[in-house]
Amino acid sequence: MWKVISHHSDHIDHNRFFAKLFLNIAIEFSMSSFYELIQKIKKRPSMYLGKAAISNLRSCLAGYILARRELGISQTEQEKKFTQFQGWIQQKFNISSSQSWDKVILFYSEDERTALLRFFELFEEFISSEHKTFVESQEVELESSTDKMVGKVSK
């Protein structure tokens, strides 16, 4: 007899599956960064996700983060910065909806697989914009320090 499972509990079971799977992977990749893990998934999505689908990626990343939390491992800077990806996607697509980043990307894609490919493109753009913002802030800080030094020298 088939057990009837609501979509909500199915989603929770799915996350638990990925949490257990990624508990082992979190230990194995504890020396890898969060962004390196995403690059590994990009190279071999079927190995990490089963089916190459953006919804599986979201569950996978949520499971990875949950597994690290269960192990008492604090969030890395990359994991903290990735939490900004949701807002970045909303801004990129000019959306104020509360839909998660994977649902937004899927909405603008042909299917789960193309949405996954689009995620990797958008993620690279996010990382580039994050790096660019950091470099720009460092340049502003350097200019400010230089101006202060020039002001002291000219006095």
N, C-alpha and C. Protein backbone atom coordinates (compact mmCIF):
# COMPACT_ATOMS: atom_id res chain seq x y z
N MET A 1 0.84 -1.17 0.00
CA MET A 1 0.00 0.00 0.00
C MET A 1 0.88 1.24 0.00
N TRP A 2 0.52 2.22 -0.81
CA TRP A 2 1.28 3.46 -0.91
C TRP A 2 0.91 4.41 0.21
N LYS A 3 1.89 5.01 0.77
CA LYS A 3 1.67 5.99 1.83
C LYS A 3 1.48 7.36 1.18
N VAL A 4 0.44 8.05 1.54
CA VAL A 4 0.18 9.37 1.00
C VAL A 4 0.97 10.38 1.84
N ILE A 5 1.80 11.15 1.18
CA ILE A 5 2.63 12.14 1.85
C ILE A 5 2.29 13.50 1.28
N SER A 6 2.06 14.44 2.16
CA SER A 6 1.79 15.79 1.68
C SER A 6 3.05 16.37 1.07
N HIS A 7 2.89 17.37 0.23
CA HIS A 7 4.03 18.04 -0.40
C HIS A 7 4.96 18.60 0.67
N HIS A 8 4.41 19.15 1.74
CA HIS A 8 5.22 19.75 2.81
C HIS A 8 6.09 18.70 3.48
N SER A 9 5.51 17.57 3.87
CA SER A 9 6.31 16.55 4.55
C SER A 9 7.28 15.90 3.59
N ASP A 10 6.91 15.80 2.32
CA ASP A 10 7.83 15.26 1.31
C ASP A 10 9.05 16.17 1.19
N HIS A 11 8.82 17.48 1.24
CA HIS A 11 9.91 18.45 1.17
C HIS A 11 10.82 18.31 2.39
N ILE A 12 10.24 18.12 3.56
CA ILE A 12 11.02 17.95 4.79
C ILE A 12 11.84 16.67 4.71
N ASP A 13 11.22 15.55 4.26
CA ASP A 13 11.94 14.29 4.12
C ASP A 13 13.09 14.43 3.13
N HIS A 14 12.84 15.16 2.06
CA HIS A 14 13.87 15.41 1.05
C HIS A 14 15.05 16.16 1.67
N ASN A 15 14.74 17.18 2.47
CA ASN A 15 15.80 17.94 3.14
C ASN A 15 16.55 17.08 4.15
N ARG A 16 15.84 16.20 4.85
CA ARG A 16 16.52 15.31 5.81
C ARG A 16 17.46 14.36 5.08
N PHE A 17 17.01 13.86 3.92
CA PHE A 17 17.86 12.97 3.13
C PHE A 17 19.15 13.69 2.76
N PHE A 18 19.01 14.92 2.24
CA PHE A 18 20.19 15.68 1.85
C PHE A 18 21.03 16.06 3.06
N ALA A 19 20.39 16.31 4.20
CA ALA A 19 21.15 16.65 5.42
C ALA A 19 22.04 15.48 5.82
N LYS A 20 21.49 14.26 5.80
CA LYS A 20 22.29 13.08 6.15
C LYS A 20 23.40 12.86 5.14
N LEU A 21 23.05 12.97 3.87
CA LEU A 21 24.04 12.79 2.81
C LEU A 21 25.17 13.80 2.97
N PHE A 22 24.80 15.04 3.22
CA PHE A 22 25.81 16.08 3.28
C PHE A 22 26.49 16.20 4.64
N LEU A 23 25.99 15.49 5.61
CA LEU A 23 26.72 15.39 6.87
C LEU A 23 28.05 14.70 6.58
N ASN A 24 28.00 13.64 5.81
CA ASN A 24 29.23 12.94 5.41
C ASN A 24 30.07 13.80 4.48
N ILE A 25 29.43 14.47 3.56
CA ILE A 25 30.17 15.30 2.61
C ILE A 25 30.77 16.52 3.33
N ALA A 26 30.05 17.07 4.31
CA ALA A 26 30.57 18.22 5.06
C ALA A 26 31.87 17.85 5.77
N ILE A 27 31.90 16.65 6.30
CA ILE A 27 33.12 16.19 6.96
C ILE A 27 34.23 16.01 5.94
N GLU A 28 33.88 15.37 4.83
CA GLU A 28 34.87 15.12 3.77
C GLU A 28 35.41 16.41 3.18
N PHE A 29 34.54 17.40 2.98
CA PHE A 29 34.95 18.64 2.34
C PHE A 29 35.18 19.77 3.33
N SER A 30 35.43 19.44 4.59
CA SER A 30 35.58 20.49 5.59
C SER A 30 36.73 21.43 5.25
N MET A 31 37.67 20.97 4.45
CA MET A 31 38.77 21.82 4.04
C MET A 31 38.41 22.63 2.79
N SER A 32 37.34 22.25 2.10
CA SER A 32 36.91 22.97 0.91
C SER A 32 36.03 24.14 1.33
N SER A 33 36.01 25.15 0.51
CA SER A 33 35.14 26.27 0.78
C SER A 33 33.75 26.00 0.20
N PHE A 34 32.79 26.79 0.63
CA PHE A 34 31.42 26.67 0.14
C PHE A 34 31.38 26.90 -1.37
N TYR A 35 32.12 27.90 -1.84
CA TYR A 35 32.13 28.20 -3.27
C TYR A 35 32.80 27.07 -4.06
N GLU A 36 33.82 26.43 -3.48
CA GLU A 36 34.44 25.29 -4.14
C GLU A 36 33.46 24.14 -4.28
N LEU A 37 32.63 23.94 -3.24
CA LEU A 37 31.61 22.90 -3.31
C LEU A 37 30.65 23.18 -4.47
N ILE A 38 30.23 24.42 -4.61
CA ILE A 38 29.33 24.78 -5.72
C ILE A 38 30.01 24.50 -7.06
N GLN A 39 31.31 24.78 -7.17
CA GLN A 39 32.04 24.50 -8.41
C GLN A 39 32.11 23.00 -8.67
N LYS A 40 32.27 22.20 -7.63
CA LYS A 40 32.29 20.74 -7.78
C LYS A 40 30.93 20.23 -8.25
N ILE A 41 29.88 20.81 -7.71
CA ILE A 41 28.53 20.43 -8.13
C ILE A 41 28.33 20.82 -9.59
N LYS A 42 28.83 21.96 -9.98
CA LYS A 42 28.71 22.41 -11.37
C LYS A 42 29.37 21.42 -12.32
N LYS A 43 30.54 20.92 -11.94
CA LYS A 43 31.28 19.98 -12.81
C LYS A 43 30.60 18.62 -12.90
N ARG A 44 29.99 18.16 -11.79
CA ARG A 44 29.38 16.83 -11.77
C ARG A 44 28.04 16.87 -11.04
N PRO A 45 27.05 17.56 -11.63
CA PRO A 45 25.78 17.73 -10.93
C PRO A 45 25.07 16.42 -10.58
N SER A 46 25.13 15.43 -11.45
CA SER A 46 24.44 14.17 -11.17
C SER A 46 25.02 13.45 -9.97
N MET A 47 26.31 13.59 -9.77
CA MET A 47 26.95 12.93 -8.63
C MET A 47 26.45 13.52 -7.31
N TYR A 48 26.23 14.82 -7.27
CA TYR A 48 25.83 15.48 -6.04
C TYR A 48 24.31 15.62 -5.90
N LEU A 49 23.63 15.75 -7.01
CA LEU A 49 22.20 16.08 -6.96
C LEU A 49 21.29 14.93 -7.38
N GLY A 50 21.85 13.87 -7.94
CA GLY A 50 21.01 12.82 -8.50
C GLY A 50 20.51 13.28 -9.85
N LYS A 51 19.49 14.07 -9.86
CA LYS A 51 18.95 14.67 -11.08
C LYS A 51 19.43 16.12 -11.14
N ALA A 52 19.92 16.54 -12.30
CA ALA A 52 20.40 17.91 -12.48
C ALA A 52 19.21 18.86 -12.50
N ALA A 53 18.85 19.35 -11.32
CA ALA A 53 17.69 20.22 -11.17
C ALA A 53 17.99 21.29 -10.12
N ILE A 54 17.53 22.50 -10.38
CA ILE A 54 17.80 23.60 -9.45
C ILE A 54 17.17 23.36 -8.08
N SER A 55 16.01 22.72 -8.04
CA SER A 55 15.39 22.44 -6.74
C SER A 55 16.23 21.45 -5.94
N ASN A 56 16.88 20.51 -6.61
CA ASN A 56 17.79 19.58 -5.93
C ASN A 56 19.03 20.32 -5.43
N LEU A 57 19.50 21.30 -6.19
CA LEU A 57 20.64 22.09 -5.75
C LEU A 57 20.30 22.84 -4.47
N ARG A 58 19.14 23.47 -4.44
CA ARG A 58 18.75 24.21 -3.24
C ARG A 58 18.67 23.28 -2.03
N SER A 59 18.06 22.10 -2.21
CA SER A 59 17.99 21.13 -1.12
C SER A 59 19.36 20.66 -0.70
N CYS A 60 20.22 20.46 -1.68
CA CYS A 60 21.59 20.02 -1.41
C CYS A 60 22.34 21.05 -0.59
N LEU A 61 22.29 22.31 -0.99
CA LEU A 61 22.99 23.36 -0.26
C LEU A 61 22.40 23.56 1.13
N ALA A 62 21.08 23.46 1.23
CA ALA A 62 20.43 23.57 2.55
C ALA A 62 20.85 22.41 3.44
N GLY A 63 20.93 21.21 2.87
CA GLY A 63 21.38 20.04 3.62
C GLY A 63 22.83 20.17 4.07
N TYR A 64 23.66 20.71 3.21
CA TYR A 64 25.07 20.92 3.54
C TYR A 64 25.21 21.89 4.72
N ILE A 65 24.48 22.99 4.64
CA ILE A 65 24.54 24.00 5.71
C ILE A 65 23.97 23.43 7.01
N LEU A 66 22.87 22.69 6.91
CA LEU A 66 22.28 22.05 8.08
C LEU A 66 23.24 21.04 8.71
N ALA A 67 23.89 20.26 7.88
CA ALA A 67 24.84 19.26 8.38
C ALA A 67 25.99 19.93 9.13
N ARG A 68 26.51 21.01 8.59
CA ARG A 68 27.59 21.73 9.27
C ARG A 68 27.11 22.31 10.60
N ARG A 69 25.87 22.82 10.60
CA ARG A 69 25.30 23.36 11.83
C ARG A 69 25.15 22.24 12.87
N GLU A 70 24.68 21.06 12.43
CA GLU A 70 24.52 19.92 13.34
C GLU A 70 25.85 19.47 13.92
N LEU A 71 26.92 19.65 13.15
CA LEU A 71 28.25 19.29 13.63
C LEU A 71 28.85 20.37 14.53
N GLY A 72 28.15 21.48 14.66
CA GLY A 72 28.64 22.58 15.49
C GLY A 72 29.69 23.42 14.79
N ILE A 73 29.73 23.35 13.45
CA ILE A 73 30.69 24.13 12.67
C ILE A 73 30.03 25.46 12.32
N SER A 74 30.66 26.54 12.69
CA SER A 74 30.08 27.85 12.43
C SER A 74 30.14 28.19 10.94
N GLN A 75 29.26 29.08 10.54
CA GLN A 75 29.19 29.50 9.13
C GLN A 75 30.49 30.18 8.71
N THR A 76 30.91 29.87 7.49
CA THR A 76 32.08 30.55 6.92
C THR A 76 31.64 31.88 6.34
N GLU A 77 32.60 32.72 6.01
CA GLU A 77 32.28 34.01 5.39
C GLU A 77 31.55 33.79 4.07
N GLN A 78 31.97 32.78 3.30
CA GLN A 78 31.30 32.52 2.02
C GLN A 78 29.85 32.11 2.24
N GLU A 79 29.60 31.28 3.23
CA GLU A 79 28.23 30.87 3.52
C GLU A 79 27.39 32.07 3.95
N LYS A 80 27.97 32.94 4.75
CA LYS A 80 27.26 34.15 5.17
C LYS A 80 26.96 35.04 3.97
N LYS A 81 27.94 35.19 3.08
CA LYS A 81 27.75 36.04 1.91
C LYS A 81 26.71 35.43 0.96
N PHE A 82 26.65 34.10 0.91
CA PHE A 82 25.68 33.45 0.04
C PHE A 82 24.26 33.76 0.47
N THR A 83 24.05 34.06 1.74
CA THR A 83 22.71 34.44 2.18
C THR A 83 22.24 35.72 1.48
N GLN A 84 23.17 36.50 0.95
CA GLN A 84 22.83 37.71 0.22
C GLN A 84 22.40 37.42 -1.22
N PHE A 85 22.61 36.18 -1.65
CA PHE A 85 22.26 35.79 -3.02
C PHE A 85 20.76 35.96 -3.27
N GLN A 86 19.94 35.65 -2.27
CA GLN A 86 18.49 35.80 -2.41
C GLN A 86 18.13 37.25 -2.78
N GLY A 87 18.64 38.19 -2.02
CA GLY A 87 18.36 39.60 -2.29
C GLY A 87 18.92 40.05 -3.63
N TRP A 88 20.10 39.53 -3.97
CA TRP A 88 20.74 39.87 -5.23
C TRP A 88 19.87 39.38 -6.40
N ILE A 89 19.34 38.16 -6.28
CA ILE A 89 18.46 37.61 -7.33
C ILE A 89 17.19 38.45 -7.45
N GLN A 90 16.62 38.82 -6.31
CA GLN A 90 15.41 39.65 -6.35
C GLN A 90 15.68 40.98 -7.03
N GLN A 91 16.83 41.56 -6.75
CA GLN A 91 17.19 42.83 -7.38
C GLN A 91 17.48 42.62 -8.87
N LYS A 92 18.19 41.57 -9.19
CA LYS A 92 18.56 41.26 -10.58
C LYS A 92 17.31 41.11 -11.46
N PHE A 93 16.29 40.40 -10.92
CA PHE A 93 15.07 40.15 -11.68
C PHE A 93 13.96 41.15 -11.36
N ASN A 94 14.31 42.16 -10.56
CA ASN A 94 13.36 43.21 -10.19
C ASN A 94 12.06 42.61 -9.61
N ILE A 95 12.26 41.75 -8.59
CA ILE A 95 11.15 41.04 -7.97
C ILE A 95 11.12 41.36 -6.48
N SER A 96 9.94 41.63 -5.96
CA SER A 96 9.81 41.86 -4.53
C SER A 96 9.10 40.70 -3.84
N SER A 97 8.85 39.65 -4.57
CA SER A 97 8.16 38.46 -4.06
C SER A 97 9.02 37.75 -3.02
N SER A 98 8.40 36.93 -2.20
CA SER A 98 9.15 36.17 -1.20
C SER A 98 9.57 34.80 -1.74
N GLN A 99 9.42 34.57 -3.04
CA GLN A 99 9.85 33.30 -3.63
C GLN A 99 11.35 33.12 -3.46
N SER A 100 11.78 31.90 -3.19
CA SER A 100 13.20 31.61 -3.01
C SER A 100 13.95 31.75 -4.34
N TRP A 101 15.27 31.92 -4.22
CA TRP A 101 16.09 32.17 -5.41
C TRP A 101 15.93 31.08 -6.45
N ASP A 102 15.79 29.82 -6.04
CA ASP A 102 15.65 28.75 -7.02
C ASP A 102 14.33 28.85 -7.77
N LYS A 103 13.27 29.25 -7.08
CA LYS A 103 11.95 29.40 -7.73
C LYS A 103 11.96 30.57 -8.71
N VAL A 104 12.65 31.64 -8.35
CA VAL A 104 12.74 32.81 -9.24
C VAL A 104 13.49 32.42 -10.51
N ILE A 105 14.64 31.77 -10.35
CA ILE A 105 15.43 31.36 -11.52
C ILE A 105 14.63 30.36 -12.37
N LEU A 106 13.95 29.43 -11.72
CA LEU A 106 13.14 28.45 -12.45
C LEU A 106 12.03 29.13 -13.23
N PHE A 107 11.40 30.14 -12.65
CA PHE A 107 10.33 30.86 -13.32
C PHE A 107 10.81 31.46 -14.65
N TYR A 108 12.05 31.93 -14.67
CA TYR A 108 12.60 32.56 -15.87
C TYR A 108 13.39 31.58 -16.74
N SER A 109 13.24 30.30 -16.49
CA SER A 109 13.96 29.28 -17.26
C SER A 109 12.97 28.32 -17.91
N GLU A 110 13.49 27.55 -18.84
CA GLU A 110 12.67 26.59 -19.57
C GLU A 110 12.26 25.41 -18.69
N ASP A 111 13.20 24.90 -17.90
CA ASP A 111 12.93 23.75 -17.04
C ASP A 111 13.97 23.70 -15.91
N GLU A 112 13.88 22.67 -15.08
CA GLU A 112 14.78 22.53 -13.92
C GLU A 112 16.25 22.48 -14.34
N ARG A 113 16.54 21.77 -15.41
CA ARG A 113 17.93 21.62 -15.85
C ARG A 113 18.50 22.95 -16.36
N THR A 114 17.76 23.65 -17.19
CA THR A 114 18.26 24.93 -17.69
C THR A 114 18.32 25.96 -16.56
N ALA A 115 17.42 25.84 -15.59
CA ALA A 115 17.48 26.72 -14.42
C ALA A 115 18.76 26.46 -13.63
N LEU A 116 19.17 25.20 -13.53
CA LEU A 116 20.41 24.87 -12.83
C LEU A 116 21.60 25.49 -13.55
N LEU A 117 21.63 25.37 -14.86
CA LEU A 117 22.71 25.97 -15.65
C LEU A 117 22.71 27.49 -15.48
N ARG A 118 21.53 28.06 -15.47
CA ARG A 118 21.40 29.52 -15.29
C ARG A 118 21.88 29.93 -13.89
N PHE A 119 21.60 29.08 -12.89
CA PHE A 119 22.09 29.38 -11.54
C PHE A 119 23.60 29.56 -11.54
N PHE A 120 24.32 28.65 -12.20
CA PHE A 120 25.78 28.73 -12.18
C PHE A 120 26.27 30.02 -12.85
N GLU A 121 25.59 30.44 -13.92
CA GLU A 121 25.94 31.70 -14.57
C GLU A 121 25.68 32.87 -13.62
N LEU A 122 24.52 32.86 -12.99
CA LEU A 122 24.15 33.94 -12.07
C LEU A 122 25.06 33.94 -10.84
N PHE A 123 25.42 32.77 -10.37
CA PHE A 123 26.30 32.67 -9.21
C PHE A 123 27.66 33.29 -9.53
N GLU A 124 28.18 33.01 -10.72
CA GLU A 124 29.46 33.62 -11.13
C GLU A 124 29.34 35.14 -11.19
N GLU A 125 28.22 35.61 -11.70
CA GLU A 125 27.98 37.06 -11.76
C GLU A 125 27.90 37.64 -10.34
N PHE A 126 27.22 36.94 -9.45
CA PHE A 126 27.11 37.36 -8.05
C PHE A 126 28.49 37.45 -7.41
N ILE A 127 29.31 36.44 -7.62
CA ILE A 127 30.67 36.42 -7.05
C ILE A 127 31.48 37.56 -7.63
N SER A 128 31.37 37.77 -8.94
CA SER A 128 32.10 38.87 -9.59
C SER A 128 31.66 40.21 -9.04
N SER A 129 30.35 40.40 -8.88
CA SER A 129 29.85 41.69 -8.36
C SER A 129 30.26 41.85 -6.91
N GLU A 130 30.30 40.76 -6.16
CA GLU A 130 30.73 40.80 -4.77
C GLU A 130 32.21 41.20 -4.71
N HIS A 131 33.01 40.60 -5.58
CA HIS A 131 34.44 40.91 -5.62
C HIS A 131 34.65 42.36 -6.06
N LYS A 132 33.90 42.78 -7.07
CA LYS A 132 34.01 44.15 -7.58
C LYS A 132 33.66 45.15 -6.48
N THR A 133 32.60 44.86 -5.72
CA THR A 133 32.20 45.74 -4.62
C THR A 133 33.30 45.81 -3.57
N PHE A 134 33.92 44.67 -3.27
CA PHE A 134 35.01 44.64 -2.29
C PHE A 134 36.19 45.46 -2.80
N VAL A 135 36.57 45.27 -4.06
CA VAL A 135 37.70 46.01 -4.64
C VAL A 135 37.40 47.50 -4.63
N GLU A 136 36.18 47.88 -5.02
CA GLU A 136 35.81 49.29 -5.03
C GLU A 136 35.87 49.88 -3.63
N SER A 137 35.42 49.12 -2.62
CA SER A 137 35.47 49.63 -1.24
C SER A 137 36.91 49.79 -0.78
N GLN A 138 37.79 48.88 -1.22
CA GLN A 138 39.21 48.99 -0.86
C GLN A 138 39.85 50.20 -1.54
N GLU A 139 39.45 50.46 -2.80
CA GLU A 139 39.97 51.62 -3.52
C GLU A 139 39.54 52.92 -2.85
N VAL A 140 38.28 52.98 -2.42
CA VAL A 140 37.78 54.17 -1.74
C VAL A 140 38.54 54.36 -0.43
N GLU A 141 38.74 53.24 0.30
CA GLU A 141 39.48 53.31 1.56
C GLU A 141 40.91 53.77 1.32
N LEU A 142 41.55 53.27 0.26
CA LEU A 142 42.92 53.65 -0.08
C LEU A 142 42.98 55.13 -0.45
N GLU A 143 42.03 55.60 -1.27
CA GLU A 143 41.98 57.01 -1.65
C GLU A 143 41.82 57.89 -0.42
N SER A 144 40.96 57.48 0.49
CA SER A 144 40.73 58.25 1.71
C SER A 144 42.01 58.32 2.55
N SER A 145 42.70 57.18 2.67
CA SER A 145 43.95 57.15 3.43
C SER A 145 45.01 58.02 2.76
N THR A 146 45.07 57.96 1.43
CA THR A 146 46.04 58.76 0.67
C THR A 146 45.74 60.24 0.85
N ASP A 147 44.46 60.63 0.78
CA ASP A 147 44.07 62.02 0.98
C ASP A 147 44.47 62.52 2.36
N LYS A 148 44.27 61.66 3.36
CA LYS A 148 44.64 62.03 4.73
C LYS A 148 46.15 62.21 4.85
N MET A 149 46.90 61.31 4.20
CA MET A 149 48.36 61.40 4.24
C MET A 149 48.85 62.66 3.54
N VAL A 150 48.27 62.96 2.37
CA VAL A 150 48.64 64.15 1.61
C VAL A 150 48.30 65.39 2.42
N GLY A 151 47.16 65.39 3.10
CA GLY A 151 46.78 66.53 3.93
C GLY A 151 47.76 66.75 5.06
N LYS A 152 48.25 65.68 5.68
CA LYS A 152 49.22 65.81 6.76
C LYS A 152 50.57 66.32 6.25
N VAL A 153 50.97 65.85 5.07
CA VAL A 153 52.25 66.25 4.48
C VAL A 153 52.22 67.71 4.07
N SER A 154 51.09 68.17 3.52
CA SER A 154 51.01 69.55 3.02
C SER A 154 50.86 70.56 4.15
N LYS A 155 50.54 70.11 5.36
CA LYS A 155 50.39 71.06 6.48
C LYS A 155 51.68 71.53 7.00
